[in-house]
C-alpha cells in the first residue's frame, strides 16, 4: 500500500513496567487508533492484526499496545487498576503525533479504554469483544464501564461471544456492530455461512466507516 509507512516499535516506561507500542503509520494520518490486547492473548490477535493492516490506507495510524505484563512474559493479566496504570503510562506516547487518539482494545483492553477515556481525553473508544459479563454469569454485568466512556463508542461483538452476545447489551449512547457467528476471538465455525476472512472484513469495514465519521 502506498499510503502506509514502515512498521516501527518503541518501548515506553510506565508505573506498571515497560510497555511496547508497535506503530503502523499512515502517511497522511488524521487519527491514531490505539488498541491493546485482552487478558489471554497479545497484539497478534486476528482483529488487531487486521486493523493494523487496513486502517493506515484510510488515514488512521494504528498503534498496537502491549501491556507491561505481556512485555515481561507473564501469562496472567494483573488487576484492572494495574492495566489502567499501564494504559495511562503509554498515553503521552500515543498523543505524541499530535493527532486525536481513539482509545481501543479487545476484551480486557476494551474495558481499560472505556474506564480511562474521559480522564485521558480520548477522541473516541473502540471496544472489540467487550466482555459484558463473565461466561455464564450475566448478573456480573460490566455495562457501567461501557456506558460511562463519555465519548463516541463503537462496540464490535461476535454473535456467539460467551462474554456477552449482541442482544444482551443494554441500549445506550454507542454503536454496536455484530460479527455473524463470531466467538470472543471472532473465530467462526467452518460450517458458518461466512468465511473467516469475511468475518474479519466485517470488523475492518465497520471500523473504517466509523473512523471516517468521526470529526
N, C-alpha and C. Protein backbone atom coordinates (compact mmCIF):
# COMPACT_ATOMS: atom_id res chain seq x y z
N UNK A 1 0.84 -1.19 0.00
CA UNK A 1 0.00 0.00 0.00
C UNK A 1 0.88 1.24 0.00
N UNK A 2 0.60 2.15 -0.88
CA UNK A 2 1.42 3.34 -0.98
C UNK A 2 1.19 4.30 0.18
N UNK A 3 0.06 4.19 0.87
CA UNK A 3 -0.25 5.11 1.95
C UNK A 3 0.34 4.67 3.28
N UNK A 4 1.03 3.55 3.34
CA UNK A 4 1.50 3.02 4.61
C UNK A 4 3.01 3.16 4.71
N UNK A 5 3.47 3.66 5.84
CA UNK A 5 4.90 3.73 6.08
C UNK A 5 5.37 2.44 6.74
N UNK A 6 6.63 2.40 7.09
CA UNK A 6 7.18 1.20 7.71
C UNK A 6 6.62 1.02 9.12
N UNK A 7 6.70 -0.20 9.60
CA UNK A 7 6.28 -0.53 10.96
C UNK A 7 7.46 -0.26 11.91
N UNK A 8 7.18 0.46 12.99
CA UNK A 8 8.22 0.74 13.98
C UNK A 8 7.73 0.33 15.37
N UNK A 9 8.69 0.08 16.25
CA UNK A 9 8.36 -0.34 17.61
C UNK A 9 9.11 0.53 18.60
N UNK A 10 8.43 0.88 19.70
CA UNK A 10 9.09 1.61 20.77
C UNK A 10 8.67 1.06 22.13
N UNK A 11 9.56 1.16 23.07
CA UNK A 11 9.29 0.76 24.44
C UNK A 11 9.03 2.01 25.27
N UNK A 12 8.00 1.96 26.09
CA UNK A 12 7.60 3.11 26.90
C UNK A 12 7.59 2.70 28.37
N UNK A 13 8.26 3.47 29.19
CA UNK A 13 8.26 3.19 30.63
C UNK A 13 6.95 3.67 31.25
N UNK A 14 6.33 2.80 32.06
CA UNK A 14 5.12 3.17 32.80
C UNK A 14 5.30 2.78 34.26
N UNK A 15 4.39 3.23 35.10
CA UNK A 15 4.45 2.88 36.51
C UNK A 15 4.15 1.41 36.75
N UNK A 16 3.68 0.69 35.72
CA UNK A 16 3.44 -0.74 35.82
C UNK A 16 4.55 -1.56 35.17
N UNK A 17 5.60 -0.87 34.67
CA UNK A 17 6.69 -1.53 33.97
C UNK A 17 6.72 -1.11 32.52
N UNK A 18 7.72 -1.58 31.77
CA UNK A 18 7.83 -1.19 30.36
C UNK A 18 6.69 -1.76 29.51
N UNK A 19 6.09 -0.90 28.71
CA UNK A 19 5.11 -1.31 27.72
C UNK A 19 5.74 -1.17 26.34
N UNK A 20 5.07 -1.73 25.32
CA UNK A 20 5.64 -1.68 23.97
C UNK A 20 4.55 -1.26 22.99
N UNK A 21 4.90 -0.35 22.11
CA UNK A 21 3.97 0.11 21.07
C UNK A 21 4.53 -0.28 19.71
N UNK A 22 3.72 -0.95 18.91
CA UNK A 22 4.06 -1.22 17.52
C UNK A 22 3.22 -0.29 16.65
N UNK A 23 3.92 0.61 15.96
CA UNK A 23 3.26 1.64 15.15
C UNK A 23 3.10 1.17 13.71
N UNK A 24 1.92 1.42 13.17
CA UNK A 24 1.65 1.21 11.75
C UNK A 24 1.17 2.57 11.24
N UNK A 25 2.09 3.37 10.71
CA UNK A 25 1.81 4.79 10.47
C UNK A 25 1.27 5.06 9.07
N UNK A 26 0.20 5.84 9.05
CA UNK A 26 -0.33 6.33 7.78
C UNK A 26 0.46 7.56 7.36
N UNK A 27 0.70 7.70 6.06
CA UNK A 27 1.49 8.85 5.59
C UNK A 27 0.74 10.16 5.75
N UNK A 28 -0.57 10.11 5.58
CA UNK A 28 -1.39 11.32 5.74
C UNK A 28 -2.41 11.08 6.84
N UNK A 29 -1.91 10.85 8.03
CA UNK A 29 -2.77 10.46 9.15
C UNK A 29 -3.58 11.64 9.67
N UNK A 30 -4.83 11.34 10.04
CA UNK A 30 -5.67 12.34 10.70
C UNK A 30 -6.11 11.86 12.09
N UNK A 31 -5.93 10.57 12.35
CA UNK A 31 -6.28 9.98 13.63
C UNK A 31 -5.25 8.93 14.01
N UNK A 32 -5.16 8.65 15.31
CA UNK A 32 -4.43 7.49 15.81
C UNK A 32 -5.43 6.55 16.46
N UNK A 33 -5.39 5.28 16.07
CA UNK A 33 -6.17 4.25 16.75
C UNK A 33 -5.21 3.43 17.59
N UNK A 34 -5.34 3.55 18.91
CA UNK A 34 -4.51 2.79 19.83
C UNK A 34 -5.31 1.61 20.35
N UNK A 35 -4.80 0.41 20.16
CA UNK A 35 -5.53 -0.79 20.58
C UNK A 35 -4.62 -1.70 21.40
N UNK A 36 -5.18 -2.21 22.48
CA UNK A 36 -4.46 -3.16 23.31
C UNK A 36 -5.16 -4.51 23.28
N UNK A 37 -4.48 -5.50 23.79
CA UNK A 37 -4.93 -6.89 23.74
C UNK A 37 -5.79 -7.23 24.95
N UNK A 38 -6.24 -8.47 24.98
CA UNK A 38 -7.02 -8.96 26.11
C UNK A 38 -6.15 -9.61 27.17
N UNK A 39 -6.84 -10.27 28.11
CA UNK A 39 -6.12 -10.89 29.23
C UNK A 39 -5.52 -12.23 28.87
N UNK A 40 -5.91 -12.79 27.73
CA UNK A 40 -5.43 -14.12 27.38
C UNK A 40 -4.63 -14.18 26.10
N UNK A 41 -4.24 -13.04 25.56
CA UNK A 41 -3.50 -13.04 24.30
C UNK A 41 -2.77 -11.74 24.08
N UNK A 42 -2.17 -11.62 22.92
CA UNK A 42 -1.35 -10.45 22.62
C UNK A 42 -1.85 -9.69 21.41
N UNK A 43 -0.97 -8.83 20.88
CA UNK A 43 -1.36 -7.96 19.78
C UNK A 43 -1.44 -8.70 18.44
N UNK A 44 -1.12 -10.00 18.47
CA UNK A 44 -1.24 -10.79 17.24
C UNK A 44 -2.66 -11.29 17.02
N UNK A 45 -3.60 -10.93 17.88
CA UNK A 45 -5.00 -11.32 17.70
C UNK A 45 -5.49 -10.92 16.32
N UNK A 46 -6.37 -11.74 15.74
CA UNK A 46 -6.76 -11.53 14.34
C UNK A 46 -7.39 -10.16 14.09
N UNK A 47 -8.17 -9.65 15.04
CA UNK A 47 -8.79 -8.36 14.81
C UNK A 47 -7.78 -7.22 14.87
N UNK A 48 -6.86 -7.28 15.83
CA UNK A 48 -5.86 -6.23 15.94
C UNK A 48 -4.91 -6.24 14.74
N UNK A 49 -4.55 -7.43 14.29
CA UNK A 49 -3.69 -7.57 13.12
C UNK A 49 -4.37 -7.02 11.87
N UNK A 50 -5.65 -7.35 11.71
CA UNK A 50 -6.39 -6.90 10.53
C UNK A 50 -6.56 -5.38 10.52
N UNK A 51 -6.82 -4.80 11.68
CA UNK A 51 -6.97 -3.34 11.74
C UNK A 51 -5.66 -2.64 11.42
N UNK A 52 -4.56 -3.20 11.92
CA UNK A 52 -3.25 -2.61 11.65
C UNK A 52 -2.93 -2.64 10.16
N UNK A 53 -3.41 -3.66 9.47
CA UNK A 53 -3.17 -3.77 8.03
C UNK A 53 -4.08 -2.86 7.21
N UNK A 54 -5.32 -2.66 7.69
CA UNK A 54 -6.32 -1.98 6.88
C UNK A 54 -6.41 -0.48 7.10
N UNK A 55 -6.27 -0.03 8.33
CA UNK A 55 -6.60 1.36 8.66
C UNK A 55 -5.63 2.41 8.12
N UNK A 56 -4.31 2.15 8.06
CA UNK A 56 -3.41 3.20 7.58
C UNK A 56 -3.75 3.71 6.18
N UNK A 57 -4.26 2.88 5.32
CA UNK A 57 -4.63 3.32 3.98
C UNK A 57 -5.80 4.29 3.99
N UNK A 58 -6.47 4.39 5.15
CA UNK A 58 -7.61 5.29 5.29
C UNK A 58 -7.29 6.47 6.20
N UNK A 59 -6.01 6.77 6.35
CA UNK A 59 -5.60 7.93 7.11
C UNK A 59 -5.59 7.75 8.62
N UNK A 60 -5.57 6.51 9.06
CA UNK A 60 -5.56 6.23 10.50
C UNK A 60 -4.29 5.46 10.86
N UNK A 61 -3.43 6.07 11.64
CA UNK A 61 -2.26 5.38 12.17
C UNK A 61 -2.71 4.44 13.28
N UNK A 62 -2.25 3.20 13.24
CA UNK A 62 -2.62 2.21 14.27
C UNK A 62 -1.44 1.96 15.18
N UNK A 63 -1.70 2.01 16.48
CA UNK A 63 -0.69 1.71 17.49
C UNK A 63 -1.16 0.51 18.28
N UNK A 64 -0.50 -0.62 18.09
CA UNK A 64 -0.84 -1.82 18.87
C UNK A 64 0.01 -1.83 20.14
N UNK A 65 -0.67 -1.82 21.27
CA UNK A 65 -0.01 -1.63 22.56
C UNK A 65 0.04 -2.94 23.33
N UNK A 66 1.25 -3.32 23.75
CA UNK A 66 1.44 -4.48 24.63
C UNK A 66 1.60 -3.99 26.06
N UNK A 67 0.68 -4.44 26.90
CA UNK A 67 0.73 -4.05 28.31
C UNK A 67 2.00 -4.60 28.97
N UNK A 68 2.47 -3.95 30.05
CA UNK A 68 3.71 -4.37 30.70
C UNK A 68 3.77 -5.84 31.09
N UNK A 69 2.65 -6.41 31.49
CA UNK A 69 2.69 -7.82 31.89
C UNK A 69 3.00 -8.74 30.71
N UNK A 70 2.58 -8.36 29.52
CA UNK A 70 2.90 -9.15 28.33
C UNK A 70 4.36 -8.96 27.95
N UNK A 71 4.82 -7.71 28.02
CA UNK A 71 6.22 -7.44 27.70
C UNK A 71 7.14 -8.21 28.64
N UNK A 72 6.72 -8.36 29.90
CA UNK A 72 7.52 -9.07 30.90
C UNK A 72 7.44 -10.59 30.76
N UNK A 73 6.59 -11.08 29.84
CA UNK A 73 6.49 -12.51 29.62
C UNK A 73 5.60 -13.25 30.58
N UNK A 74 4.76 -12.53 31.32
CA UNK A 74 3.86 -13.18 32.27
C UNK A 74 2.65 -13.74 31.54
N UNK A 75 2.06 -14.79 32.12
CA UNK A 75 0.94 -15.46 31.47
C UNK A 75 -0.41 -14.96 31.96
N UNK A 76 -0.44 -14.33 33.13
CA UNK A 76 -1.70 -13.89 33.70
C UNK A 76 -1.72 -12.37 33.80
N UNK A 77 -2.85 -11.79 33.39
CA UNK A 77 -3.00 -10.34 33.47
C UNK A 77 -3.16 -9.91 34.92
N UNK A 78 -2.67 -8.72 35.27
CA UNK A 78 -2.83 -8.21 36.63
C UNK A 78 -4.23 -7.63 36.84
N UNK A 79 -4.43 -7.03 38.00
CA UNK A 79 -5.72 -6.44 38.34
C UNK A 79 -6.06 -5.29 37.39
N UNK A 80 -7.37 -5.01 37.22
CA UNK A 80 -7.77 -3.94 36.31
C UNK A 80 -7.08 -2.61 36.58
N UNK A 81 -6.89 -2.24 37.83
CA UNK A 81 -6.28 -0.93 38.09
C UNK A 81 -4.83 -0.89 37.61
N UNK A 82 -4.16 -2.05 37.60
CA UNK A 82 -2.79 -2.09 37.08
C UNK A 82 -2.80 -1.96 35.56
N UNK A 83 -3.79 -2.56 34.91
CA UNK A 83 -3.94 -2.39 33.46
C UNK A 83 -4.18 -0.92 33.12
N UNK A 84 -5.02 -0.27 33.92
CA UNK A 84 -5.28 1.16 33.70
C UNK A 84 -3.99 1.97 33.86
N UNK A 85 -3.18 1.61 34.85
CA UNK A 85 -1.91 2.30 35.08
C UNK A 85 -1.00 2.18 33.86
N UNK A 86 -0.92 0.98 33.31
CA UNK A 86 -0.10 0.78 32.12
C UNK A 86 -0.59 1.61 30.94
N UNK A 87 -1.92 1.67 30.77
CA UNK A 87 -2.50 2.43 29.66
C UNK A 87 -2.25 3.93 29.83
N UNK A 88 -2.41 4.42 31.05
CA UNK A 88 -2.11 5.83 31.30
C UNK A 88 -0.65 6.14 30.97
N UNK A 89 0.22 5.19 31.28
CA UNK A 89 1.64 5.42 31.06
C UNK A 89 2.04 5.54 29.61
N UNK A 90 1.31 4.84 28.73
CA UNK A 90 1.64 4.91 27.30
C UNK A 90 0.94 6.07 26.61
N UNK A 91 -0.04 6.67 27.26
CA UNK A 91 -0.87 7.68 26.59
C UNK A 91 -0.06 8.85 26.04
N UNK A 92 0.92 9.40 26.78
CA UNK A 92 1.70 10.51 26.22
C UNK A 92 2.39 10.14 24.91
N UNK A 93 2.85 8.91 24.77
CA UNK A 93 3.47 8.48 23.52
C UNK A 93 2.42 8.38 22.40
N UNK A 94 1.21 7.96 22.76
CA UNK A 94 0.15 7.82 21.77
C UNK A 94 -0.31 9.17 21.25
N UNK A 95 -0.28 10.18 22.11
CA UNK A 95 -0.69 11.52 21.68
C UNK A 95 0.49 12.29 21.08
N UNK A 96 1.66 11.70 21.10
CA UNK A 96 2.86 12.36 20.60
C UNK A 96 2.76 12.89 19.18
N UNK A 97 2.12 12.13 18.25
CA UNK A 97 2.00 12.65 16.88
C UNK A 97 1.14 13.90 16.76
N UNK A 98 0.45 14.28 17.85
CA UNK A 98 -0.36 15.49 17.81
C UNK A 98 -1.71 15.32 17.15
N UNK A 99 -2.19 14.08 17.07
CA UNK A 99 -3.47 13.78 16.44
C UNK A 99 -4.47 13.29 17.48
N UNK A 100 -5.78 13.42 17.20
CA UNK A 100 -6.78 12.83 18.09
C UNK A 100 -6.56 11.32 18.20
N UNK A 101 -6.75 10.78 19.39
CA UNK A 101 -6.50 9.36 19.62
C UNK A 101 -7.80 8.63 19.95
N UNK A 102 -8.10 7.60 19.17
CA UNK A 102 -9.17 6.67 19.52
C UNK A 102 -8.57 5.64 20.46
N UNK A 103 -9.13 5.55 21.65
CA UNK A 103 -8.66 4.59 22.64
C UNK A 103 -9.41 3.29 22.45
N UNK A 104 -8.68 2.20 22.24
CA UNK A 104 -9.36 0.95 21.93
C UNK A 104 -8.66 -0.27 22.49
N UNK A 105 -9.31 -1.39 22.29
CA UNK A 105 -8.73 -2.65 22.73
C UNK A 105 -9.74 -3.76 22.58
N UNK A 106 -9.26 -4.98 22.77
CA UNK A 106 -10.15 -6.12 22.73
C UNK A 106 -10.28 -6.69 24.14
N UNK A 107 -11.49 -7.12 24.50
CA UNK A 107 -11.78 -7.77 25.77
C UNK A 107 -11.33 -6.91 26.96
N UNK A 108 -10.37 -7.38 27.76
CA UNK A 108 -9.91 -6.58 28.90
C UNK A 108 -9.37 -5.23 28.44
N UNK A 109 -8.76 -5.19 27.26
CA UNK A 109 -8.27 -3.93 26.72
C UNK A 109 -9.39 -2.96 26.40
N UNK A 110 -10.56 -3.49 26.00
CA UNK A 110 -11.72 -2.64 25.74
C UNK A 110 -12.23 -2.04 27.04
N UNK A 111 -12.20 -2.82 28.11
CA UNK A 111 -12.62 -2.29 29.42
C UNK A 111 -11.70 -1.16 29.86
N UNK A 112 -10.41 -1.33 29.68
CA UNK A 112 -9.45 -0.28 30.04
C UNK A 112 -9.75 0.99 29.26
N UNK A 113 -9.98 0.85 27.96
CA UNK A 113 -10.26 2.01 27.12
C UNK A 113 -11.49 2.76 27.60
N UNK A 114 -12.54 2.02 27.96
CA UNK A 114 -13.76 2.65 28.43
C UNK A 114 -13.55 3.35 29.78
N UNK A 115 -12.83 2.68 30.68
CA UNK A 115 -12.65 3.23 32.03
C UNK A 115 -11.82 4.51 32.04
N UNK A 116 -10.90 4.64 31.11
CA UNK A 116 -9.94 5.74 31.15
C UNK A 116 -10.20 6.81 30.10
N UNK A 117 -11.19 6.64 29.24
CA UNK A 117 -11.38 7.54 28.10
C UNK A 117 -11.56 8.99 28.54
N UNK A 118 -12.39 9.20 29.55
CA UNK A 118 -12.68 10.57 29.97
C UNK A 118 -11.47 11.28 30.54
N UNK A 119 -10.77 10.61 31.45
CA UNK A 119 -9.63 11.27 32.10
C UNK A 119 -8.48 11.52 31.15
N UNK A 120 -8.32 10.66 30.14
CA UNK A 120 -7.20 10.80 29.23
C UNK A 120 -7.52 11.71 28.04
N UNK A 121 -8.77 12.04 27.87
CA UNK A 121 -9.14 12.90 26.75
C UNK A 121 -9.20 12.16 25.42
N UNK A 122 -9.61 10.90 25.45
CA UNK A 122 -9.72 10.13 24.22
C UNK A 122 -10.75 10.75 23.29
N UNK A 123 -10.48 10.68 22.00
CA UNK A 123 -11.39 11.23 20.98
C UNK A 123 -12.62 10.34 20.85
N UNK A 124 -12.43 9.04 21.01
CA UNK A 124 -13.49 8.05 20.88
C UNK A 124 -12.97 6.74 21.47
N UNK A 125 -13.85 5.74 21.54
CA UNK A 125 -13.47 4.42 22.06
C UNK A 125 -13.91 3.35 21.08
N UNK A 126 -13.00 2.40 20.81
CA UNK A 126 -13.32 1.21 20.03
C UNK A 126 -13.23 0.01 20.97
N UNK A 127 -14.36 -0.64 21.19
CA UNK A 127 -14.43 -1.79 22.09
C UNK A 127 -14.65 -3.07 21.28
N UNK A 128 -13.61 -3.85 21.15
CA UNK A 128 -13.67 -5.12 20.42
C UNK A 128 -13.92 -6.26 21.41
N UNK A 129 -14.97 -7.05 21.17
CA UNK A 129 -15.29 -8.17 22.07
C UNK A 129 -15.38 -7.70 23.52
N UNK A 130 -16.18 -6.66 23.75
CA UNK A 130 -16.32 -6.15 25.11
C UNK A 130 -16.87 -7.26 26.01
N UNK A 131 -16.18 -7.59 27.11
CA UNK A 131 -16.63 -8.67 27.99
C UNK A 131 -17.73 -8.18 28.93
N UNK A 132 -18.96 -8.19 28.43
CA UNK A 132 -20.09 -7.63 29.18
C UNK A 132 -20.27 -8.32 30.53
N UNK A 133 -19.94 -9.60 30.58
CA UNK A 133 -20.01 -10.36 31.82
C UNK A 133 -19.13 -11.60 31.70
N UNK A 134 -18.73 -12.21 32.81
CA UNK A 134 -18.02 -13.49 32.71
C UNK A 134 -18.94 -14.53 32.07
N UNK A 135 -18.39 -15.51 31.35
CA UNK A 135 -19.24 -16.53 30.72
C UNK A 135 -20.16 -17.21 31.73
N UNK A 136 -21.45 -17.24 31.40
CA UNK A 136 -22.43 -17.89 32.26
C UNK A 136 -22.82 -17.09 33.49
N UNK A 137 -22.34 -15.84 33.60
CA UNK A 137 -22.63 -15.02 34.78
C UNK A 137 -23.19 -13.66 34.36
N UNK A 138 -24.34 -13.64 33.71
CA UNK A 138 -24.88 -12.36 33.22
C UNK A 138 -25.18 -11.36 34.33
N UNK A 139 -25.33 -11.87 35.56
CA UNK A 139 -25.61 -10.95 36.66
C UNK A 139 -24.39 -10.10 37.03
N UNK A 140 -23.21 -10.53 36.58
CA UNK A 140 -21.96 -9.79 36.85
C UNK A 140 -21.69 -8.81 35.71
N UNK A 141 -22.62 -7.91 35.47
CA UNK A 141 -22.54 -7.03 34.31
C UNK A 141 -21.48 -5.95 34.47
N UNK A 142 -20.80 -5.69 33.36
CA UNK A 142 -19.82 -4.60 33.30
C UNK A 142 -20.32 -3.48 32.41
N UNK A 143 -21.62 -3.44 32.21
CA UNK A 143 -22.21 -2.45 31.31
C UNK A 143 -21.88 -1.03 31.74
N UNK A 144 -21.74 -0.79 33.03
CA UNK A 144 -21.48 0.57 33.51
C UNK A 144 -20.18 1.12 32.94
N UNK A 145 -19.18 0.24 32.76
CA UNK A 145 -17.92 0.70 32.18
C UNK A 145 -18.13 1.20 30.76
N UNK A 146 -18.88 0.42 29.99
CA UNK A 146 -19.14 0.78 28.59
C UNK A 146 -19.97 2.06 28.51
N UNK A 147 -21.01 2.14 29.31
CA UNK A 147 -21.91 3.28 29.27
C UNK A 147 -21.24 4.54 29.81
N UNK A 148 -20.17 4.38 30.56
CA UNK A 148 -19.51 5.51 31.17
C UNK A 148 -18.35 6.07 30.39
N UNK A 149 -18.13 5.61 29.16
CA UNK A 149 -16.96 6.07 28.41
C UNK A 149 -16.99 7.58 28.17
N UNK A 150 -18.19 8.10 27.93
CA UNK A 150 -18.34 9.54 27.77
C UNK A 150 -17.93 10.10 26.43
N UNK A 151 -17.55 9.24 25.50
CA UNK A 151 -17.13 9.68 24.16
C UNK A 151 -17.77 8.77 23.13
N UNK A 152 -17.79 9.14 21.84
CA UNK A 152 -18.33 8.24 20.82
C UNK A 152 -17.68 6.87 20.91
N UNK A 153 -18.50 5.83 20.94
CA UNK A 153 -18.00 4.48 21.18
C UNK A 153 -18.59 3.51 20.17
N UNK A 154 -17.72 2.67 19.62
CA UNK A 154 -18.15 1.59 18.74
C UNK A 154 -17.82 0.27 19.39
N UNK A 155 -18.83 -0.60 19.52
CA UNK A 155 -18.64 -1.96 20.01
C UNK A 155 -18.72 -2.90 18.82
N UNK A 156 -17.74 -3.79 18.69
CA UNK A 156 -17.78 -4.83 17.67
C UNK A 156 -17.81 -6.16 18.41
N UNK A 157 -18.90 -6.91 18.24
CA UNK A 157 -19.15 -8.07 19.09
C UNK A 157 -19.51 -9.29 18.25
N UNK A 158 -18.92 -10.44 18.59
CA UNK A 158 -19.28 -11.68 17.93
C UNK A 158 -20.67 -12.14 18.32
N UNK A 159 -21.42 -12.68 17.36
CA UNK A 159 -22.79 -13.12 17.63
C UNK A 159 -22.85 -14.24 18.66
N UNK A 160 -21.76 -15.00 18.79
CA UNK A 160 -21.74 -16.12 19.73
C UNK A 160 -20.70 -15.92 20.83
N UNK A 161 -20.47 -14.68 21.22
CA UNK A 161 -19.49 -14.40 22.26
C UNK A 161 -20.04 -14.79 23.63
N UNK A 162 -19.40 -15.74 24.32
CA UNK A 162 -19.90 -16.16 25.63
C UNK A 162 -19.77 -15.08 26.70
N UNK A 163 -18.97 -14.06 26.41
CA UNK A 163 -18.83 -12.95 27.36
C UNK A 163 -19.91 -11.88 27.15
N UNK A 164 -20.84 -12.14 26.26
CA UNK A 164 -21.92 -11.21 26.01
C UNK A 164 -22.29 -11.18 24.55
N UNK A 165 -23.46 -11.72 24.22
CA UNK A 165 -23.94 -11.67 22.84
C UNK A 165 -24.53 -10.29 22.57
N UNK A 166 -24.55 -9.86 21.31
CA UNK A 166 -25.04 -8.51 21.00
C UNK A 166 -26.41 -8.19 21.60
N UNK A 167 -27.31 -9.18 21.59
CA UNK A 167 -28.66 -8.89 22.09
C UNK A 167 -28.71 -8.69 23.60
N UNK A 168 -27.63 -9.05 24.29
CA UNK A 168 -27.57 -8.85 25.74
C UNK A 168 -27.18 -7.43 26.12
N UNK A 169 -26.65 -6.68 25.18
CA UNK A 169 -26.16 -5.34 25.50
C UNK A 169 -27.32 -4.37 25.74
N UNK A 170 -27.18 -3.51 26.75
CA UNK A 170 -28.23 -2.53 27.00
C UNK A 170 -28.21 -1.43 25.96
N UNK A 171 -29.32 -0.75 25.83
CA UNK A 171 -29.34 0.42 24.97
C UNK A 171 -28.45 1.50 25.56
N UNK A 172 -27.92 2.32 24.70
CA UNK A 172 -27.04 3.36 25.22
C UNK A 172 -26.45 4.20 24.12
N UNK A 173 -25.65 5.17 24.50
CA UNK A 173 -25.06 6.09 23.52
C UNK A 173 -23.82 5.50 22.87
N UNK A 174 -23.98 4.39 22.19
CA UNK A 174 -22.87 3.77 21.48
C UNK A 174 -23.43 3.02 20.28
N UNK A 175 -22.55 2.73 19.33
CA UNK A 175 -22.92 1.91 18.18
C UNK A 175 -22.44 0.49 18.40
N UNK A 176 -23.19 -0.47 17.87
CA UNK A 176 -22.80 -1.88 18.01
C UNK A 176 -22.90 -2.57 16.66
N UNK A 177 -21.81 -3.22 16.29
CA UNK A 177 -21.76 -4.00 15.05
C UNK A 177 -21.59 -5.47 15.41
N UNK A 178 -22.42 -6.31 14.85
CA UNK A 178 -22.37 -7.75 15.13
C UNK A 178 -21.56 -8.47 14.06
N UNK A 179 -20.67 -9.35 14.50
CA UNK A 179 -19.91 -10.20 13.58
C UNK A 179 -20.61 -11.56 13.56
N UNK A 180 -21.27 -11.91 12.46
CA UNK A 180 -22.04 -13.15 12.42
C UNK A 180 -21.20 -14.37 12.79
N UNK A 181 -21.75 -15.22 13.64
CA UNK A 181 -21.14 -16.50 14.05
C UNK A 181 -19.89 -16.34 14.91
N UNK A 182 -19.41 -15.13 15.11
CA UNK A 182 -18.13 -14.94 15.78
C UNK A 182 -18.16 -15.27 17.26
N UNK A 183 -17.07 -15.84 17.76
CA UNK A 183 -16.92 -16.07 19.19
C UNK A 183 -16.15 -14.91 19.80
N UNK A 184 -15.58 -15.09 20.98
CA UNK A 184 -14.89 -13.99 21.66
C UNK A 184 -13.65 -13.53 20.90
N UNK A 185 -13.05 -14.43 20.14
CA UNK A 185 -11.90 -14.08 19.31
C UNK A 185 -12.27 -13.83 17.86
N UNK A 186 -13.58 -13.73 17.59
CA UNK A 186 -14.12 -13.52 16.24
C UNK A 186 -13.86 -14.70 15.31
N UNK A 187 -13.56 -15.86 15.89
CA UNK A 187 -13.46 -17.07 15.07
C UNK A 187 -14.86 -17.53 14.70
N UNK A 188 -15.01 -18.02 13.47
CA UNK A 188 -16.30 -18.54 13.03
C UNK A 188 -16.15 -20.03 12.70
N UNK A 189 -17.19 -20.83 12.94
CA UNK A 189 -17.12 -22.26 12.63
C UNK A 189 -16.96 -22.50 11.14
N UNK A 190 -16.36 -23.61 10.81
CA UNK A 190 -16.19 -23.94 9.38
C UNK A 190 -17.52 -24.10 8.68
N UNK A 191 -18.56 -24.46 9.43
CA UNK A 191 -19.88 -24.66 8.82
C UNK A 191 -20.67 -23.36 8.72
N UNK A 192 -20.10 -22.27 9.14
CA UNK A 192 -20.80 -20.98 9.10
C UNK A 192 -21.05 -20.53 7.67
N UNK A 193 -22.03 -19.66 7.51
CA UNK A 193 -22.39 -19.18 6.18
C UNK A 193 -21.44 -18.11 5.67
N UNK A 194 -20.52 -17.67 6.51
CA UNK A 194 -19.49 -16.74 6.05
C UNK A 194 -18.12 -17.33 6.39
N UNK A 195 -17.12 -16.95 5.62
CA UNK A 195 -15.77 -17.44 5.86
C UNK A 195 -15.10 -16.63 6.96
N UNK A 196 -13.96 -17.12 7.44
CA UNK A 196 -13.22 -16.37 8.44
C UNK A 196 -12.77 -15.03 7.88
N UNK A 197 -12.37 -15.01 6.63
CA UNK A 197 -11.93 -13.77 6.01
C UNK A 197 -13.08 -12.77 5.92
N UNK A 198 -14.27 -13.26 5.61
CA UNK A 198 -15.43 -12.36 5.53
C UNK A 198 -15.79 -11.83 6.91
N UNK A 199 -15.64 -12.64 7.93
CA UNK A 199 -15.93 -12.19 9.30
C UNK A 199 -14.97 -11.07 9.71
N UNK A 200 -13.70 -11.24 9.38
CA UNK A 200 -12.72 -10.20 9.70
C UNK A 200 -13.01 -8.93 8.91
N UNK A 201 -13.47 -9.09 7.69
CA UNK A 201 -13.80 -7.92 6.87
C UNK A 201 -14.96 -7.13 7.47
N UNK A 202 -15.89 -7.81 8.13
CA UNK A 202 -16.97 -7.10 8.83
C UNK A 202 -16.38 -6.14 9.85
N UNK A 203 -15.35 -6.61 10.57
CA UNK A 203 -14.70 -5.79 11.59
C UNK A 203 -14.01 -4.58 10.96
N UNK A 204 -13.14 -4.85 10.00
CA UNK A 204 -12.35 -3.76 9.42
C UNK A 204 -13.23 -2.76 8.68
N UNK A 205 -14.23 -3.24 7.95
CA UNK A 205 -15.12 -2.33 7.22
C UNK A 205 -15.88 -1.43 8.19
N UNK A 206 -16.34 -2.01 9.28
CA UNK A 206 -17.10 -1.23 10.27
C UNK A 206 -16.23 -0.16 10.90
N UNK A 207 -15.00 -0.52 11.24
CA UNK A 207 -14.11 0.45 11.89
C UNK A 207 -13.68 1.54 10.91
N UNK A 208 -13.42 1.17 9.66
CA UNK A 208 -13.07 2.18 8.65
C UNK A 208 -14.22 3.18 8.49
N UNK A 209 -15.44 2.68 8.38
CA UNK A 209 -16.59 3.57 8.19
C UNK A 209 -16.80 4.46 9.42
N UNK A 210 -16.71 3.86 10.59
CA UNK A 210 -16.92 4.61 11.84
C UNK A 210 -15.84 5.68 12.03
N UNK A 211 -14.58 5.29 11.81
CA UNK A 211 -13.48 6.25 11.98
C UNK A 211 -13.63 7.41 10.99
N UNK A 212 -14.13 7.08 9.81
CA UNK A 212 -14.34 8.13 8.82
C UNK A 212 -15.43 9.12 9.20
N UNK A 213 -16.34 8.69 10.09
CA UNK A 213 -17.44 9.55 10.51
C UNK A 213 -17.08 10.45 11.68
N UNK A 214 -15.93 10.18 12.31
CA UNK A 214 -15.54 10.96 13.47
C UNK A 214 -14.98 12.31 13.04
N UNK A 215 -15.43 13.35 13.67
CA UNK A 215 -14.97 14.68 13.32
C UNK A 215 -13.55 14.94 13.80
